[in-house]
Amino acid sequence: MNKTIDDLTPKARRTRAAIIDAARSIIGAKGLEGMTIMDVCETADVGRTSFYNYFNDAESLSATVAHLVALEVREKFNKLHEEIPRGLERLEKCLTMILRIGADDPATALLLTSIANNDPSISSLLRNEICKELEGAVATEQPVGHAFAVNDIADFLTISTLATCRELALGKTPKKQVSILVDIMMCACRST
């Protein structure tokens, strides 16, 4: 049964955290499809019964991990760039930060992209944030490409950001190309 944090004792919170940390580690190394309940229990050093005290199944655990990772990325971005108003400059910083995660923290990037491939809520969260930045640019009369609708640009940026992040994490794209890749993605936003 999925219990909320408020319902747990300190020891139970530690056990739940160990399960989540184990899942993060496994997903980051093997992808979402490589995570099994047995692997999680073994890595967290808990029994299957303990696992089921906190999560209904592997899907509820992966959803929890996805939610926590998305919140961490959003919080990190907001802390770094809260003084910048919504718009193209902030969007560029957002894309750069996500690609830097791919280049500098492959385990987190693979965790994020593996979950995003299987859980549409992560892609939707990124897409919604991109839309807010694009709408902020339009509201402040920054030049945004007129050939495409904001939604089309957001779709393109979401897909390309997640794919590029994964390529960086896997070492298929050189880290030194992050700024070039962001410039290319930002071309989709600029007015022609």
N, C-alpha and C. Protein backbone atom coordinates (compact mmCIF):
# COMPACT_ATOMS: atom_id res chain seq x y z
N MET A 1 0.85 -1.18 0.00
CA MET A 1 0.00 0.00 0.00
C MET A 1 0.89 1.24 0.00
N ASN A 2 0.59 2.20 -0.80
CA ASN A 2 1.33 3.47 -0.85
C ASN A 2 0.96 4.30 0.37
N LYS A 3 1.93 4.52 1.25
CA LYS A 3 1.70 5.36 2.42
C LYS A 3 2.31 6.72 2.17
N THR A 4 1.70 7.74 2.74
CA THR A 4 2.29 9.07 2.61
C THR A 4 3.38 9.22 3.66
N ILE A 5 4.26 10.17 3.43
CA ILE A 5 5.38 10.42 4.35
C ILE A 5 4.85 10.76 5.74
N ASP A 6 3.77 11.52 5.80
CA ASP A 6 3.22 11.94 7.10
C ASP A 6 2.75 10.77 7.95
N ASP A 7 2.42 9.65 7.31
CA ASP A 7 1.92 8.48 8.03
C ASP A 7 3.04 7.61 8.60
N LEU A 8 4.30 7.93 8.30
CA LEU A 8 5.41 7.04 8.63
C LEU A 8 6.20 7.47 9.86
N THR A 9 6.71 6.47 10.55
CA THR A 9 7.63 6.73 11.66
C THR A 9 8.99 7.09 11.06
N PRO A 10 9.91 7.63 11.86
CA PRO A 10 11.24 7.94 11.33
C PRO A 10 11.94 6.71 10.71
N LYS A 11 11.82 5.55 11.37
CA LYS A 11 12.44 4.33 10.82
C LYS A 11 11.78 3.96 9.48
N ALA A 12 10.48 4.07 9.42
CA ALA A 12 9.77 3.76 8.17
C ALA A 12 10.15 4.73 7.07
N ARG A 13 10.36 6.00 7.43
CA ARG A 13 10.80 6.99 6.43
C ARG A 13 12.17 6.61 5.87
N ARG A 14 13.05 6.15 6.74
CA ARG A 14 14.39 5.73 6.28
C ARG A 14 14.28 4.53 5.35
N THR A 15 13.41 3.58 5.69
CA THR A 15 13.23 2.39 4.85
C THR A 15 12.67 2.79 3.49
N ARG A 16 11.67 3.65 3.49
CA ARG A 16 11.07 4.13 2.23
C ARG A 16 12.12 4.86 1.40
N ALA A 17 12.91 5.70 2.06
CA ALA A 17 13.96 6.45 1.35
C ALA A 17 14.99 5.49 0.75
N ALA A 18 15.33 4.43 1.49
CA ALA A 18 16.29 3.44 0.98
C ALA A 18 15.75 2.75 -0.26
N ILE A 19 14.45 2.45 -0.27
CA ILE A 19 13.82 1.82 -1.43
C ILE A 19 13.86 2.78 -2.62
N ILE A 20 13.53 4.03 -2.39
CA ILE A 20 13.54 5.03 -3.47
C ILE A 20 14.96 5.23 -3.99
N ASP A 21 15.93 5.34 -3.09
CA ASP A 21 17.33 5.51 -3.52
C ASP A 21 17.80 4.30 -4.33
N ALA A 22 17.43 3.12 -3.92
CA ALA A 22 17.80 1.91 -4.66
C ALA A 22 17.19 1.93 -6.05
N ALA A 23 15.93 2.32 -6.14
CA ALA A 23 15.26 2.39 -7.44
C ALA A 23 15.94 3.41 -8.34
N ARG A 24 16.26 4.58 -7.78
CA ARG A 24 16.96 5.62 -8.56
C ARG A 24 18.26 5.08 -9.11
N SER A 25 19.01 4.40 -8.28
CA SER A 25 20.30 3.86 -8.69
C SER A 25 20.14 2.83 -9.81
N ILE A 26 19.20 1.95 -9.65
CA ILE A 26 18.97 0.89 -10.64
C ILE A 26 18.46 1.48 -11.95
N ILE A 27 17.49 2.38 -11.88
CA ILE A 27 16.96 2.99 -13.09
C ILE A 27 18.05 3.78 -13.81
N GLY A 28 18.87 4.50 -13.04
CA GLY A 28 19.96 5.25 -13.64
C GLY A 28 20.97 4.36 -14.34
N ALA A 29 21.19 3.16 -13.82
CA ALA A 29 22.18 2.25 -14.40
C ALA A 29 21.60 1.37 -15.50
N LYS A 30 20.36 0.89 -15.30
CA LYS A 30 19.79 -0.11 -16.22
C LYS A 30 18.58 0.38 -17.01
N GLY A 31 18.09 1.57 -16.68
CA GLY A 31 16.86 2.02 -17.31
C GLY A 31 15.66 1.51 -16.53
N LEU A 32 14.52 2.09 -16.82
CA LEU A 32 13.30 1.73 -16.10
C LEU A 32 12.94 0.26 -16.31
N GLU A 33 13.13 -0.21 -17.53
CA GLU A 33 12.78 -1.60 -17.82
C GLU A 33 13.71 -2.59 -17.13
N GLY A 34 14.87 -2.13 -16.65
CA GLY A 34 15.82 -3.00 -15.96
C GLY A 34 15.59 -3.09 -14.46
N MET A 35 14.62 -2.35 -13.95
CA MET A 35 14.35 -2.35 -12.51
C MET A 35 13.36 -3.46 -12.16
N THR A 36 13.74 -4.31 -11.21
CA THR A 36 12.81 -5.31 -10.69
C THR A 36 12.65 -5.07 -9.18
N ILE A 37 11.55 -5.53 -8.66
CA ILE A 37 11.31 -5.39 -7.22
C ILE A 37 12.39 -6.13 -6.44
N MET A 38 12.79 -7.29 -6.92
CA MET A 38 13.84 -8.05 -6.21
C MET A 38 15.15 -7.28 -6.19
N ASP A 39 15.52 -6.67 -7.32
CA ASP A 39 16.75 -5.86 -7.35
C ASP A 39 16.66 -4.69 -6.39
N VAL A 40 15.52 -4.05 -6.36
CA VAL A 40 15.33 -2.91 -5.46
C VAL A 40 15.46 -3.36 -4.01
N CYS A 41 14.79 -4.45 -3.67
CA CYS A 41 14.85 -4.96 -2.28
C CYS A 41 16.27 -5.34 -1.91
N GLU A 42 16.97 -5.99 -2.81
CA GLU A 42 18.34 -6.40 -2.54
C GLU A 42 19.25 -5.18 -2.35
N THR A 43 19.12 -4.21 -3.23
CA THR A 43 19.95 -3.00 -3.15
C THR A 43 19.63 -2.20 -1.89
N ALA A 44 18.36 -2.12 -1.54
CA ALA A 44 17.94 -1.36 -0.35
C ALA A 44 18.11 -2.15 0.94
N ASP A 45 18.41 -3.44 0.81
CA ASP A 45 18.55 -4.34 1.95
C ASP A 45 17.26 -4.40 2.77
N VAL A 46 16.16 -4.60 2.05
CA VAL A 46 14.85 -4.78 2.69
C VAL A 46 14.17 -6.01 2.08
N GLY A 47 13.23 -6.56 2.80
CA GLY A 47 12.47 -7.69 2.30
C GLY A 47 11.33 -7.24 1.40
N ARG A 48 10.80 -8.20 0.65
CA ARG A 48 9.68 -7.89 -0.25
C ARG A 48 8.47 -7.37 0.54
N THR A 49 8.25 -7.93 1.70
CA THR A 49 7.13 -7.48 2.52
C THR A 49 7.28 -6.01 2.86
N SER A 50 8.50 -5.61 3.20
CA SER A 50 8.75 -4.19 3.49
C SER A 50 8.46 -3.34 2.27
N PHE A 51 8.89 -3.81 1.11
CA PHE A 51 8.63 -3.07 -0.12
C PHE A 51 7.13 -2.79 -0.25
N TYR A 52 6.33 -3.83 -0.09
CA TYR A 52 4.88 -3.69 -0.27
C TYR A 52 4.20 -2.90 0.85
N ASN A 53 4.91 -2.63 1.92
CA ASN A 53 4.37 -1.73 2.94
C ASN A 53 4.36 -0.28 2.44
N TYR A 54 5.20 0.01 1.45
CA TYR A 54 5.36 1.39 0.97
C TYR A 54 4.88 1.61 -0.46
N PHE A 55 4.91 0.57 -1.27
CA PHE A 55 4.54 0.70 -2.68
C PHE A 55 3.70 -0.48 -3.11
N ASN A 56 2.73 -0.21 -3.98
CA ASN A 56 1.85 -1.28 -4.47
C ASN A 56 2.57 -2.20 -5.44
N ASP A 57 3.46 -1.61 -6.27
CA ASP A 57 4.14 -2.37 -7.31
C ASP A 57 5.29 -1.55 -7.86
N ALA A 58 5.98 -2.09 -8.85
CA ALA A 58 7.11 -1.38 -9.44
C ALA A 58 6.67 -0.08 -10.11
N GLU A 59 5.47 -0.08 -10.66
CA GLU A 59 4.96 1.13 -11.33
C GLU A 59 4.73 2.26 -10.34
N SER A 60 4.20 1.95 -9.17
CA SER A 60 3.98 3.02 -8.19
C SER A 60 5.32 3.55 -7.66
N LEU A 61 6.31 2.66 -7.54
CA LEU A 61 7.65 3.11 -7.13
C LEU A 61 8.26 4.00 -8.22
N SER A 62 8.18 3.57 -9.47
CA SER A 62 8.76 4.38 -10.54
C SER A 62 8.04 5.71 -10.68
N ALA A 63 6.75 5.75 -10.45
CA ALA A 63 6.01 7.01 -10.49
C ALA A 63 6.48 7.94 -9.38
N THR A 64 6.73 7.39 -8.20
CA THR A 64 7.24 8.19 -7.08
C THR A 64 8.63 8.74 -7.41
N VAL A 65 9.49 7.90 -7.96
CA VAL A 65 10.83 8.33 -8.34
C VAL A 65 10.73 9.42 -9.40
N ALA A 66 9.88 9.22 -10.39
CA ALA A 66 9.71 10.21 -11.46
C ALA A 66 9.28 11.55 -10.90
N HIS A 67 8.32 11.51 -10.01
CA HIS A 67 7.81 12.74 -9.41
C HIS A 67 8.92 13.45 -8.62
N LEU A 68 9.67 12.72 -7.83
CA LEU A 68 10.73 13.32 -7.03
C LEU A 68 11.85 13.90 -7.89
N VAL A 69 12.23 13.19 -8.94
CA VAL A 69 13.28 13.69 -9.83
C VAL A 69 12.81 14.96 -10.54
N ALA A 70 11.59 14.95 -11.01
CA ALA A 70 11.05 16.15 -11.68
C ALA A 70 11.03 17.34 -10.74
N LEU A 71 10.62 17.13 -9.51
CA LEU A 71 10.61 18.22 -8.53
C LEU A 71 12.02 18.72 -8.24
N GLU A 72 12.98 17.80 -8.14
CA GLU A 72 14.37 18.20 -7.89
C GLU A 72 14.91 19.06 -9.02
N VAL A 73 14.65 18.65 -10.26
CA VAL A 73 15.13 19.42 -11.41
C VAL A 73 14.47 20.79 -11.45
N ARG A 74 13.17 20.83 -11.23
CA ARG A 74 12.46 22.12 -11.24
C ARG A 74 12.97 23.03 -10.12
N GLU A 75 13.15 22.46 -8.92
CA GLU A 75 13.63 23.26 -7.79
C GLU A 75 15.04 23.79 -8.06
N LYS A 76 15.89 22.95 -8.62
CA LYS A 76 17.26 23.37 -8.94
C LYS A 76 17.23 24.51 -9.95
N PHE A 77 16.41 24.37 -10.97
CA PHE A 77 16.32 25.42 -11.97
C PHE A 77 15.80 26.71 -11.35
N ASN A 78 14.74 26.63 -10.57
CA ASN A 78 14.17 27.83 -9.96
C ASN A 78 15.16 28.54 -9.05
N LYS A 79 15.94 27.77 -8.30
CA LYS A 79 16.95 28.38 -7.42
C LYS A 79 18.02 29.11 -8.23
N LEU A 80 18.41 28.51 -9.34
CA LEU A 80 19.46 29.11 -10.15
C LEU A 80 18.99 30.33 -10.93
N HIS A 81 17.72 30.34 -11.34
CA HIS A 81 17.27 31.33 -12.31
C HIS A 81 15.99 32.07 -11.92
N GLU A 82 15.67 32.08 -10.64
CA GLU A 82 14.41 32.71 -10.23
C GLU A 82 14.38 34.21 -10.49
N GLU A 83 15.56 34.85 -10.57
CA GLU A 83 15.59 36.30 -10.78
C GLU A 83 15.36 36.67 -12.26
N ILE A 84 15.42 35.70 -13.15
CA ILE A 84 15.22 35.97 -14.58
C ILE A 84 13.73 35.83 -14.90
N PRO A 85 13.13 36.85 -15.53
CA PRO A 85 11.71 36.74 -15.88
C PRO A 85 11.50 35.67 -16.96
N ARG A 86 10.29 35.14 -16.99
CA ARG A 86 9.97 34.14 -18.01
C ARG A 86 10.21 34.73 -19.39
N GLY A 87 10.75 33.90 -20.26
CA GLY A 87 11.03 34.32 -21.62
C GLY A 87 12.14 33.49 -22.23
N LEU A 88 12.69 33.98 -23.32
CA LEU A 88 13.67 33.20 -24.07
C LEU A 88 15.00 33.03 -23.32
N GLU A 89 15.42 34.05 -22.60
CA GLU A 89 16.68 33.92 -21.85
C GLU A 89 16.55 32.82 -20.80
N ARG A 90 15.45 32.82 -20.09
CA ARG A 90 15.23 31.80 -19.05
C ARG A 90 15.07 30.42 -19.69
N LEU A 91 14.40 30.33 -20.84
CA LEU A 91 14.25 29.07 -21.55
C LEU A 91 15.62 28.53 -21.95
N GLU A 92 16.47 29.40 -22.47
CA GLU A 92 17.81 28.98 -22.86
C GLU A 92 18.58 28.44 -21.65
N LYS A 93 18.46 29.09 -20.52
CA LYS A 93 19.12 28.64 -19.29
C LYS A 93 18.56 27.27 -18.87
N CYS A 94 17.26 27.08 -19.02
CA CYS A 94 16.61 25.81 -18.66
C CYS A 94 17.15 24.68 -19.53
N LEU A 95 17.18 24.90 -20.84
CA LEU A 95 17.67 23.87 -21.75
C LEU A 95 19.14 23.56 -21.46
N THR A 96 19.92 24.60 -21.20
CA THR A 96 21.34 24.40 -20.89
C THR A 96 21.49 23.58 -19.62
N MET A 97 20.71 23.88 -18.60
CA MET A 97 20.81 23.15 -17.34
C MET A 97 20.48 21.67 -17.55
N ILE A 98 19.45 21.38 -18.30
CA ILE A 98 19.06 19.99 -18.52
C ILE A 98 20.15 19.25 -19.31
N LEU A 99 20.68 19.89 -20.33
CA LEU A 99 21.74 19.24 -21.10
C LEU A 99 23.02 19.10 -20.27
N ARG A 100 23.28 20.04 -19.38
CA ARG A 100 24.44 19.93 -18.49
C ARG A 100 24.27 18.74 -17.55
N ILE A 101 23.05 18.46 -17.14
CA ILE A 101 22.80 17.26 -16.31
C ILE A 101 23.21 16.03 -17.12
N GLY A 102 22.83 16.00 -18.39
CA GLY A 102 23.21 14.88 -19.24
C GLY A 102 24.71 14.73 -19.37
N ALA A 103 25.41 15.87 -19.50
CA ALA A 103 26.86 15.85 -19.68
C ALA A 103 27.60 15.55 -18.38
N ASP A 104 27.12 16.10 -17.27
CA ASP A 104 27.87 16.05 -16.01
C ASP A 104 27.37 15.03 -15.00
N ASP A 105 26.14 14.59 -15.13
CA ASP A 105 25.56 13.64 -14.18
C ASP A 105 24.78 12.57 -14.95
N PRO A 106 25.52 11.69 -15.64
CA PRO A 106 24.85 10.70 -16.50
C PRO A 106 23.81 9.83 -15.77
N ALA A 107 24.08 9.45 -14.53
CA ALA A 107 23.13 8.59 -13.82
C ALA A 107 21.79 9.29 -13.65
N THR A 108 21.81 10.56 -13.25
CA THR A 108 20.55 11.30 -13.10
C THR A 108 19.89 11.51 -14.46
N ALA A 109 20.68 11.81 -15.48
CA ALA A 109 20.12 12.02 -16.82
C ALA A 109 19.47 10.75 -17.35
N LEU A 110 20.13 9.62 -17.16
CA LEU A 110 19.54 8.36 -17.63
C LEU A 110 18.29 8.03 -16.83
N LEU A 111 18.32 8.32 -15.54
CA LEU A 111 17.13 8.13 -14.71
C LEU A 111 15.98 8.98 -15.25
N LEU A 112 16.26 10.26 -15.45
CA LEU A 112 15.23 11.19 -15.93
C LEU A 112 14.70 10.79 -17.29
N THR A 113 15.59 10.49 -18.23
CA THR A 113 15.13 10.17 -19.59
C THR A 113 14.47 8.81 -19.68
N SER A 114 14.94 7.84 -18.88
CA SER A 114 14.28 6.53 -18.87
C SER A 114 12.86 6.65 -18.36
N ILE A 115 12.71 7.42 -17.30
CA ILE A 115 11.36 7.60 -16.75
C ILE A 115 10.49 8.38 -17.73
N ALA A 116 11.06 9.41 -18.35
CA ALA A 116 10.29 10.22 -19.30
C ALA A 116 9.80 9.39 -20.48
N ASN A 117 10.60 8.40 -20.89
CA ASN A 117 10.18 7.53 -21.99
C ASN A 117 8.99 6.66 -21.63
N ASN A 118 8.82 6.37 -20.35
CA ASN A 118 7.76 5.47 -19.92
C ASN A 118 6.65 6.17 -19.14
N ASP A 119 6.90 7.37 -18.69
CA ASP A 119 5.92 8.09 -17.89
C ASP A 119 5.67 9.46 -18.53
N PRO A 120 4.56 9.60 -19.24
CA PRO A 120 4.30 10.85 -19.96
C PRO A 120 4.21 12.08 -19.06
N SER A 121 4.03 11.89 -17.76
CA SER A 121 3.92 13.05 -16.88
C SER A 121 5.23 13.83 -16.81
N ILE A 122 6.38 13.15 -16.97
CA ILE A 122 7.67 13.84 -16.93
C ILE A 122 7.84 14.69 -18.19
N SER A 123 7.55 14.10 -19.34
CA SER A 123 7.62 14.88 -20.59
C SER A 123 6.63 16.03 -20.54
N SER A 124 5.46 15.78 -20.00
CA SER A 124 4.45 16.84 -19.90
C SER A 124 4.90 17.96 -18.99
N LEU A 125 5.56 17.62 -17.90
CA LEU A 125 6.07 18.64 -16.99
C LEU A 125 7.08 19.53 -17.70
N LEU A 126 8.03 18.92 -18.41
CA LEU A 126 9.03 19.69 -19.15
C LEU A 126 8.35 20.53 -20.23
N ARG A 127 7.43 19.93 -20.95
CA ARG A 127 6.72 20.65 -22.01
C ARG A 127 5.95 21.85 -21.44
N ASN A 128 5.29 21.66 -20.31
CA ASN A 128 4.54 22.76 -19.69
C ASN A 128 5.46 23.90 -19.27
N GLU A 129 6.62 23.56 -18.74
CA GLU A 129 7.59 24.60 -18.36
C GLU A 129 8.09 25.34 -19.59
N ILE A 130 8.35 24.61 -20.66
CA ILE A 130 8.79 25.25 -21.92
C ILE A 130 7.70 26.17 -22.44
N CYS A 131 6.45 25.71 -22.41
CA CYS A 131 5.32 26.56 -22.85
C CYS A 131 5.25 27.84 -22.02
N LYS A 132 5.43 27.73 -20.72
CA LYS A 132 5.37 28.93 -19.86
C LYS A 132 6.46 29.92 -20.24
N GLU A 133 7.65 29.42 -20.55
CA GLU A 133 8.73 30.32 -20.96
C GLU A 133 8.42 30.97 -22.31
N LEU A 134 7.89 30.19 -23.24
CA LEU A 134 7.53 30.74 -24.55
C LEU A 134 6.39 31.75 -24.43
N GLU A 135 5.41 31.44 -23.61
CA GLU A 135 4.30 32.38 -23.39
C GLU A 135 4.81 33.65 -22.71
N GLY A 136 5.79 33.50 -21.82
CA GLY A 136 6.42 34.67 -21.19
C GLY A 136 7.12 35.53 -22.22
N ALA A 137 7.75 34.90 -23.19
CA ALA A 137 8.42 35.65 -24.27
C ALA A 137 7.40 36.40 -25.11
N VAL A 138 6.30 35.75 -25.44
CA VAL A 138 5.25 36.39 -26.24
C VAL A 138 4.64 37.56 -25.47
N ALA A 139 4.39 37.34 -24.18
CA ALA A 139 3.77 38.39 -23.34
C ALA A 139 4.66 39.62 -23.22
N THR A 140 5.96 39.42 -23.26
CA THR A 140 6.88 40.57 -23.15
C THR A 140 7.40 41.01 -24.52
N GLU A 141 6.72 40.53 -25.54
CA GLU A 141 7.00 40.92 -26.93
C GLU A 141 8.43 40.60 -27.35
N GLN A 142 8.97 39.50 -26.83
CA GLN A 142 10.25 39.01 -27.33
C GLN A 142 9.98 38.31 -28.66
N PRO A 143 10.92 38.37 -29.58
CA PRO A 143 10.67 37.74 -30.88
C PRO A 143 10.63 36.22 -30.79
N VAL A 144 9.46 35.67 -31.00
CA VAL A 144 9.27 34.23 -31.02
C VAL A 144 8.83 33.86 -32.42
N GLY A 145 9.37 32.76 -32.95
CA GLY A 145 9.06 32.36 -34.32
C GLY A 145 7.57 32.35 -34.60
N HIS A 146 7.18 32.96 -35.70
CA HIS A 146 5.76 33.03 -36.05
C HIS A 146 5.34 31.89 -36.96
N ALA A 147 6.32 31.17 -37.51
CA ALA A 147 5.99 30.09 -38.43
C ALA A 147 5.34 28.91 -37.70
N PHE A 148 5.58 28.80 -36.41
CA PHE A 148 5.04 27.69 -35.64
C PHE A 148 4.30 28.21 -34.43
N ALA A 149 3.35 27.44 -33.98
CA ALA A 149 2.63 27.78 -32.76
C ALA A 149 3.50 27.44 -31.56
N VAL A 150 3.25 28.10 -30.44
CA VAL A 150 3.99 27.85 -29.21
C VAL A 150 3.96 26.36 -28.88
N ASN A 151 2.82 25.71 -29.05
CA ASN A 151 2.72 24.28 -28.73
C ASN A 151 3.63 23.44 -29.61
N ASP A 152 3.75 23.79 -30.90
CA ASP A 152 4.63 23.05 -31.79
C ASP A 152 6.09 23.21 -31.37
N ILE A 153 6.47 24.42 -31.02
CA ILE A 153 7.84 24.67 -30.58
C ILE A 153 8.10 23.91 -29.28
N ALA A 154 7.15 23.95 -28.36
CA ALA A 154 7.31 23.24 -27.09
C ALA A 154 7.45 21.74 -27.31
N ASP A 155 6.67 21.18 -28.21
CA ASP A 155 6.78 19.74 -28.52
C ASP A 155 8.18 19.42 -29.04
N PHE A 156 8.65 20.22 -30.00
CA PHE A 156 9.98 20.01 -30.57
C PHE A 156 11.06 20.10 -29.49
N LEU A 157 11.00 21.14 -28.67
CA LEU A 157 12.03 21.34 -27.64
C LEU A 157 12.01 20.24 -26.58
N THR A 158 10.83 19.77 -26.23
CA THR A 158 10.73 18.70 -25.24
C THR A 158 11.39 17.43 -25.76
N ILE A 159 11.03 17.04 -26.96
CA ILE A 159 11.58 15.81 -27.54
C ILE A 159 13.08 15.94 -27.75
N SER A 160 13.51 17.06 -28.33
CA SER A 160 14.94 17.20 -28.62
C SER A 160 15.77 17.34 -27.34
N THR A 161 15.24 18.00 -26.33
CA THR A 161 15.98 18.14 -25.07
C THR A 161 16.18 16.79 -24.40
N LEU A 162 15.12 16.00 -24.29
CA LEU A 162 15.24 14.70 -23.64
C LEU A 162 16.15 13.76 -24.43
N ALA A 163 16.02 13.76 -25.76
CA ALA A 163 16.86 12.90 -26.58
C ALA A 163 18.32 13.32 -26.50
N THR A 164 18.58 14.60 -26.56
CA THR A 164 19.95 15.10 -26.50
C THR A 164 20.56 14.86 -25.12
N CYS A 165 19.78 15.03 -24.08
CA CYS A 165 20.23 14.77 -22.72
C CYS A 165 20.68 13.31 -22.60
N ARG A 166 19.90 12.41 -23.15
CA ARG A 166 20.24 10.98 -23.11
C ARG A 166 21.52 10.71 -23.90
N GLU A 167 21.64 11.31 -25.07
CA GLU A 167 22.84 11.12 -25.89
C GLU A 167 24.09 11.61 -25.16
N LEU A 168 23.97 12.73 -24.48
CA LEU A 168 25.09 13.24 -23.68
C LEU A 168 25.44 12.28 -22.55
N ALA A 169 24.42 11.78 -21.87
CA ALA A 169 24.64 10.87 -20.74
C ALA A 169 25.30 9.57 -21.19
N LEU A 170 24.96 9.12 -22.38
CA LEU A 170 25.53 7.88 -22.91
C LEU A 170 26.90 8.09 -23.55
N GLY A 171 27.34 9.36 -23.63
CA GLY A 171 28.64 9.66 -24.22
C GLY A 171 28.63 9.65 -25.74
N LYS A 172 27.45 9.63 -26.35
CA LYS A 172 27.34 9.62 -27.81
C LYS A 172 27.48 11.02 -28.41
N THR A 173 27.32 12.02 -27.58
CA THR A 173 27.48 13.42 -28.00
C THR A 173 28.51 14.04 -27.06
N PRO A 174 29.51 14.73 -27.61
CA PRO A 174 30.54 15.34 -26.75
C PRO A 174 29.97 16.43 -25.84
N LYS A 175 30.45 16.45 -24.61
CA LYS A 175 30.01 17.44 -23.61
C LYS A 175 30.27 18.86 -24.09
N LYS A 176 31.35 19.07 -24.82
CA LYS A 176 31.72 20.42 -25.23
C LYS A 176 30.71 21.02 -26.21
N GLN A 177 29.77 20.23 -26.70
CA GLN A 177 28.79 20.72 -27.67
C GLN A 177 27.50 21.23 -27.04
N VAL A 178 27.41 21.24 -25.73
CA VAL A 178 26.17 21.65 -25.07
C VAL A 178 25.71 23.02 -25.54
N SER A 179 26.57 24.00 -25.53
CA SER A 179 26.14 25.35 -25.92
C SER A 179 25.73 25.41 -27.38
N ILE A 180 26.40 24.67 -28.24
CA ILE A 180 26.02 24.63 -29.66
C ILE A 180 24.65 24.00 -29.82
N LEU A 181 24.42 22.91 -29.10
CA LEU A 181 23.13 22.22 -29.17
C LEU A 181 21.99 23.11 -28.68
N VAL A 182 22.23 23.85 -27.60
CA VAL A 182 21.22 24.77 -27.09
C VAL A 182 20.95 25.87 -28.12
N ASP A 183 22.00 26.40 -28.74
CA ASP A 183 21.82 27.42 -29.78
C ASP A 183 20.94 26.90 -30.92
N ILE A 184 21.19 25.67 -31.32
CA ILE A 184 20.39 25.07 -32.40
C ILE A 184 18.93 24.94 -31.97
N MET A 185 18.70 24.48 -30.74
CA MET A 185 17.32 24.34 -30.25
C MET A 185 16.64 25.70 -30.15
N MET A 186 17.38 26.70 -29.72
CA MET A 186 16.79 28.03 -29.57
C MET A 186 16.42 28.66 -30.90
N CYS A 187 17.04 28.18 -31.98
CA CYS A 187 16.67 28.69 -33.31
C CYS A 187 15.19 28.44 -33.60
N ALA A 188 14.63 27.39 -33.02
CA ALA A 188 13.21 27.10 -33.21
C ALA A 188 12.34 28.17 -32.57
N CYS A 189 12.88 28.92 -31.64
CA CYS A 189 12.11 29.92 -30.90
C CYS A 189 12.21 31.31 -31.48
N ARG A 190 13.22 31.54 -32.25
CA ARG A 190 13.49 32.90 -32.71
C ARG A 190 12.67 33.23 -33.96
N SER A 191 12.27 34.46 -34.02
CA SER A 191 11.52 34.95 -35.17
C SER A 191 12.44 35.00 -36.38
N THR A 192 11.89 34.69 -37.53
CA THR A 192 12.69 34.74 -38.77
C THR A 192 12.38 35.99 -39.55
